[in-house]
């Protein structure tokens, strides 16, 4: 167990969760790193991994922390807004101005 911790220092890497049909090349591009680096970092876990491999949803890849934090900054804005509005269709039932006009007058 001790040797394993030495080989992969925790602070420099993070886990990236792949989406259905993601490829290492696609992930590397979105993270701004070389696909060779991504494959090299994960080849122990996935010996068959190639730049063009199709990944299953939920596949966990090890990526450099710096890459993921850059991606996080890009994606942080979207999901919170888009995720809630696409699912929460209850909104459309409510009369439009009800909540807003109350309290103003």
Protein backbone atom coordinates (compact mmCIF):
# COMPACT_ATOMS: atom_id res chain seq x y z
CA UNK A 1 0.00 0.00 0.00
CA UNK A 2 2.86 2.34 0.83
CA UNK A 3 4.49 1.98 -2.57
CA UNK A 4 1.24 2.82 -4.35
CA UNK A 5 0.86 6.12 -2.54
CA UNK A 6 4.38 7.04 -3.56
CA UNK A 7 3.75 6.38 -7.25
CA UNK A 8 0.71 8.67 -7.50
CA UNK A 9 1.02 11.77 -5.34
CA UNK A 10 -2.49 12.88 -4.46
CA UNK A 11 -2.20 16.67 -4.85
CA UNK A 12 -1.13 16.63 -8.51
CA UNK A 13 -3.93 14.49 -9.91
CA UNK A 14 -7.70 14.46 -9.84
CA UNK A 15 -10.43 12.18 -11.11
CA UNK A 16 -12.30 13.03 -14.29
CA UNK A 17 -15.62 11.24 -14.86
CA UNK A 18 -16.12 10.43 -18.52
CA UNK A 19 -19.43 10.80 -20.31
CA UNK A 20 -20.92 8.15 -22.60
CA UNK A 21 -18.80 7.79 -25.77
CA UNK A 22 -16.12 10.24 -24.60
CA UNK A 23 -12.66 9.49 -25.95
CA UNK A 24 -9.33 10.24 -24.29
CA UNK A 25 -8.59 12.56 -27.22
CA UNK A 26 -11.80 14.51 -26.65
CA UNK A 27 -11.15 14.74 -22.90
CA UNK A 28 -7.52 15.79 -23.39
CA UNK A 29 -8.62 18.49 -25.83
CA UNK A 30 -11.22 19.84 -23.44
CA UNK A 31 -8.66 19.84 -20.61
CA UNK A 32 -5.96 21.42 -22.75
CA UNK A 33 -3.47 18.59 -22.25
CA UNK A 34 -1.82 16.15 -24.66
CA UNK A 35 -3.75 12.95 -25.25
CA UNK A 36 -0.50 10.97 -24.86
CA UNK A 37 -0.17 12.33 -21.34
CA UNK A 38 -3.74 11.38 -20.48
CA UNK A 39 -3.32 7.84 -21.82
CA UNK A 40 0.02 7.46 -20.02
CA UNK A 41 -1.52 8.54 -16.73
CA UNK A 42 -4.31 5.94 -17.04
CA UNK A 43 -2.66 3.03 -18.84
CA UNK A 44 -2.16 1.09 -15.59
CA UNK A 45 -5.84 1.29 -14.75
CA UNK A 46 -6.94 0.68 -18.36
CA UNK A 47 -4.25 -1.29 -20.24
CA UNK A 48 -6.30 -1.23 -23.45
CA UNK A 49 -6.67 2.55 -23.44
CA UNK A 50 -5.98 4.35 -26.73
CA UNK A 51 -6.57 7.98 -27.78
CA UNK A 52 -9.60 6.88 -29.80
CA UNK A 53 -11.06 4.46 -27.23
CA UNK A 54 -14.76 5.01 -26.60
CA UNK A 55 -15.36 5.30 -22.89
CA UNK A 56 -18.44 4.35 -20.95
CA UNK A 57 -20.30 6.86 -18.91
CA UNK A 58 -18.83 7.07 -15.43
CA UNK A 59 -15.35 5.85 -16.42
CA UNK A 60 -12.91 7.46 -14.00
CA UNK A 61 -9.72 8.84 -15.50
CA UNK A 62 -6.81 10.38 -13.67
CA UNK A 63 -6.02 13.88 -14.93
CA UNK A 64 -3.62 16.61 -13.80
CA UNK A 65 -5.19 18.89 -11.19
CA UNK A 66 -4.30 22.02 -13.16
CA UNK A 67 -6.22 20.73 -16.19
CA UNK A 68 -9.36 19.91 -14.23
CA UNK A 69 -9.43 23.23 -12.39
CA UNK A 70 -9.24 25.01 -15.75
CA UNK A 71 -12.14 22.92 -17.02
CA UNK A 72 -14.08 23.56 -13.81
CA UNK A 73 -13.79 27.29 -14.35
CA UNK A 74 -15.24 26.93 -17.84
CA UNK A 75 -18.08 24.61 -16.92
CA UNK A 76 -19.02 25.98 -13.52
CA UNK A 77 -21.32 28.65 -14.98
CA UNK A 78 -23.38 26.40 -17.22
CA UNK A 79 -24.64 23.34 -15.30
CA UNK A 80 -26.14 25.26 -12.38
CA UNK A 81 -28.33 27.35 -14.68
CA UNK A 82 -28.96 25.02 -17.61
CA UNK A 83 -29.44 21.96 -15.41
CA UNK A 84 -32.14 23.50 -13.29
CA UNK A 85 -34.09 25.16 -16.08
CA UNK A 86 -34.19 22.13 -18.39
CA UNK A 87 -35.51 19.84 -15.65
CA UNK A 88 -37.68 22.20 -13.67
CA UNK A 89 -40.63 22.61 -16.00
CA UNK A 90 -42.89 23.36 -13.05
CA UNK A 91 -42.04 27.00 -13.55
CA UNK A 92 -44.18 27.29 -16.68
CA UNK A 93 -47.32 26.44 -14.70
CA UNK A 94 -46.99 29.40 -12.36
CA UNK A 95 -48.53 32.69 -13.50
CA UNK A 96 -45.70 34.87 -14.70
CA UNK A 97 -45.75 38.07 -12.67
CA UNK A 98 -47.16 36.71 -9.44
CA UNK A 99 -43.95 36.45 -7.38
CA UNK A 100 -42.35 39.59 -8.78
CA UNK A 101 -45.13 42.18 -8.48
CA UNK A 102 -45.92 41.20 -4.91
CA UNK A 103 -44.06 43.32 -2.38
CA UNK A 104 -43.11 46.00 -4.89
CA UNK A 105 -46.35 47.93 -4.63
